[in-house]
Protein backbone atom coordinates (compact mmCIF):
# COMPACT_ATOMS: atom_id res chain seq x y z
CA MET A 1 -35.25 28.57 6.48
CA LEU A 2 -33.54 29.87 9.70
CA ASP A 3 -33.99 28.61 12.92
CA SER A 4 -33.72 31.76 16.10
CA ASN A 5 -29.69 31.15 16.45
CA GLY A 6 -29.43 31.32 12.88
CA ILE A 7 -29.04 28.16 11.87
CA ASP A 8 -30.17 26.62 8.43
CA ILE A 9 -32.74 24.25 8.64
CA LEU A 10 -33.55 21.75 5.91
CA SER A 11 -36.89 20.02 4.15
CA PHE A 12 -36.15 16.17 3.68
CA LYS A 13 -36.00 16.78 0.26
CA GLU A 14 -33.11 19.69 0.40
CA ALA A 15 -31.53 17.21 3.20
CA GLN A 16 -31.49 14.13 0.10
CA ILE A 17 -30.29 17.30 -2.36
CA LYS A 18 -27.23 18.07 0.10
CA ALA A 19 -26.59 14.49 0.54
CA HIS A 20 -26.16 13.57 -3.01
CA GLU A 21 -24.16 16.63 -3.72
CA HIS A 22 -21.63 15.49 -0.86
CA ILE A 23 -21.61 11.69 -2.00
CA ASP A 24 -20.92 12.91 -5.22
CA ALA A 25 -18.08 15.04 -4.22
CA LEU A 26 -16.65 12.31 -2.25
CA LEU A 27 -16.65 9.97 -5.56
CA ASN A 28 -15.70 12.88 -8.39
CA GLN A 29 -12.20 12.92 -5.49
CA SER A 30 -11.06 9.33 -6.13
CA HIS A 31 -10.59 10.57 -9.84
CA LYS A 32 -7.73 12.86 -8.48
CA THR A 33 -5.85 10.78 -6.34
CA THR A 34 -2.31 10.46 -7.70
CA VAL A 35 0.36 7.79 -6.60
CA GLU A 36 1.87 9.85 -4.51
CA TYR A 37 -0.53 10.58 -2.21
CA ALA A 38 -1.82 6.31 -2.21
CA SER A 39 2.27 5.69 -1.31
CA ILE A 40 1.56 8.18 1.84
CA HIS A 41 -1.12 6.29 3.26
CA TYR A 42 0.20 2.98 2.40
CA MET A 43 3.15 4.32 4.16
CA ASN A 44 1.42 5.05 7.58
CA TRP A 45 -0.74 1.93 7.49
CA PHE A 46 2.53 -0.10 6.55
CA LYS A 47 4.64 1.68 9.22
CA GLU A 48 1.39 -0.04 11.98
CA ASN A 49 1.82 -3.54 10.31
CA ARG A 50 5.28 -4.08 8.67
CA LYS A 51 8.60 -4.49 9.52
CA SER A 52 10.66 -3.69 6.51
CA VAL A 53 9.69 0.47 6.90
CA ARG A 54 12.89 2.29 5.65
CA GLU A 55 13.83 -0.41 2.90
CA THR A 56 10.49 -0.22 0.87
CA GLN A 57 10.79 3.77 1.45
CA ASN A 58 13.54 3.58 -0.04
CA THR A 59 12.63 2.21 -3.02
CA ILE A 60 9.25 3.73 -3.19
CA ASP A 61 11.30 7.29 -3.17
CA ALA A 62 13.89 6.02 -5.77
CA HIS A 63 11.54 3.69 -8.77
CA ILE A 64 8.13 4.31 -7.96
CA LEU A 65 7.82 7.92 -7.54
CA PRO A 66 10.39 9.66 -9.82
CA TYR A 67 7.58 7.94 -12.60
CA PHE A 68 4.56 7.99 -11.20
CA GLY A 69 4.51 10.32 -8.34
CA GLN A 70 2.04 12.76 -9.83
CA LYS A 71 0.23 10.49 -11.61
CA LEU A 72 -3.32 10.03 -10.89
CA ILE A 73 -4.45 6.56 -10.24
CA SER A 74 -7.00 6.68 -12.52
CA GLU A 75 -5.42 7.39 -15.66
CA LEU A 76 -2.78 4.49 -15.39
CA THR A 77 -2.79 2.40 -17.95
CA THR A 78 -1.55 -1.51 -18.03
CA LYS A 79 0.58 -0.56 -20.89
CA GLU A 80 2.21 2.69 -19.01
CA ILE A 81 3.40 0.43 -16.02
CA LYS A 82 4.43 -3.16 -17.85
CA SER A 83 6.87 -0.29 -20.29
CA TRP A 84 8.10 1.01 -16.45
CA HIS A 85 8.45 -2.74 -15.36
CA GLN A 86 10.76 -3.38 -18.23
CA LYS A 87 13.00 -0.53 -18.32
CA LEU A 88 13.88 -1.16 -14.18
CA ALA A 89 14.64 -4.81 -15.98
CA ALA A 90 16.75 -3.71 -18.55
CA SER A 91 18.59 -0.69 -16.52
CA ALA A 92 21.64 -0.76 -14.87
CA ALA A 93 21.17 -1.43 -10.71
CA ARG A 94 22.00 1.49 -8.44
CA LYS A 95 24.88 1.80 -6.72
CA ARG A 96 25.10 2.49 -3.16
CA SER A 97 26.01 6.24 -2.76
CA SER A 98 26.31 9.31 0.02
CA ARG A 99 23.54 10.91 -0.05
CA PHE A 100 25.14 13.99 -0.87
CA SER A 101 26.80 12.52 -4.28
CA ALA A 102 25.51 11.90 -7.62
CA GLN A 103 23.30 8.73 -7.72
CA GLN A 104 26.22 6.04 -9.54
CA TYR A 105 24.55 3.04 -11.51
CA SER A 106 26.88 0.00 -12.30
CA ASN A 107 27.16 -1.18 -15.53
CA GLN A 108 23.93 -2.22 -18.53
CA PRO A 109 23.21 -6.62 -17.29
CA ASP A 110 24.82 -7.67 -19.88
CA THR A 111 25.62 -11.38 -18.83
CA ASP A 112 22.41 -13.64 -17.91
CA SER A 113 23.54 -14.23 -14.31
CA GLN A 114 22.66 -10.12 -14.78
CA LYS A 115 19.77 -9.58 -17.13
CA ARG A 116 18.13 -12.23 -14.09
CA SER A 117 18.73 -10.29 -11.13
CA ARG A 118 17.68 -7.37 -13.25
CA ARG A 119 13.97 -8.69 -13.69
CA ALA A 120 13.82 -10.10 -10.00
CA THR A 121 15.03 -6.95 -8.70
CA ALA A 122 12.28 -5.41 -11.00
CA ASN A 123 9.56 -7.68 -9.40
CA ARG A 124 10.25 -6.64 -6.17
CA ILE A 125 9.91 -3.21 -7.09
CA LEU A 126 6.51 -4.04 -9.29
CA THR A 127 4.83 -5.61 -6.06
CA VAL A 128 5.49 -2.72 -4.01
CA LEU A 129 3.82 -0.54 -6.74
CA LYS A 130 0.84 -3.11 -6.86
CA ALA A 131 0.57 -3.48 -2.68
CA ILE A 132 0.06 0.56 -2.45
CA LEU A 133 -2.34 0.44 -5.66
CA ASN A 134 -4.10 -2.25 -3.84
CA LYS A 135 -4.05 -1.04 -0.92
CA ALA A 136 -5.30 2.24 -2.47
CA PHE A 137 -8.44 -0.22 -3.90
CA GLN A 138 -8.98 -1.56 -0.74
CA ASP A 139 -9.74 1.46 0.75
CA GLU A 140 -12.05 3.02 -1.84
CA MET A 141 -9.25 5.71 -2.71
CA ILE A 142 -9.94 5.06 -6.25
CA ASN A 143 -12.94 2.47 -8.25
CA ASP A 144 -11.05 0.18 -10.91
CA ASP A 145 -7.95 -2.34 -10.55
CA LEU A 146 -8.03 -3.68 -13.42
CA PRO A 147 -4.52 -1.53 -14.99
CA TRP A 148 -2.28 -3.05 -12.04
CA ARG A 149 -3.63 -6.40 -12.58
CA ARG A 150 -2.84 -6.97 -16.29
CA VAL A 151 0.61 -6.55 -15.39
CA LYS A 152 2.65 -9.77 -14.72
CA PRO A 153 5.95 -10.10 -13.27
CA PHE A 154 8.51 -11.55 -15.43
């Protein structure tokens, strides 16, 4: 029904139905949150509350977004995160390089000391990923945090 100004007036029952439709749409949207979107949300919070902004952003850009960027958080699995974490530990370390040249890498870790160092680096990167996902969970962007809670550091 329209009033004299052309504004739609709803009955109580119609208003309840509209409210439920709106809530359902918001809940369904949580299943469409990507890791990239969650990382942007996290970095907006991080800039206001922490100090190591540049280092954290570099970690996200170099290690998290290339692998998980467009992945929906609701589709992440424990197995997938563990596999990524293990690949990080087994991969060669990145060397500092110019923005204008291709990324260069060290040799594959072969000594116990190098392997331990790569595991420590992989754990720090995992911590950043978990922080992003936990922030999204705390801010109700997603409904479940079990897949990454199961992943333990080395």
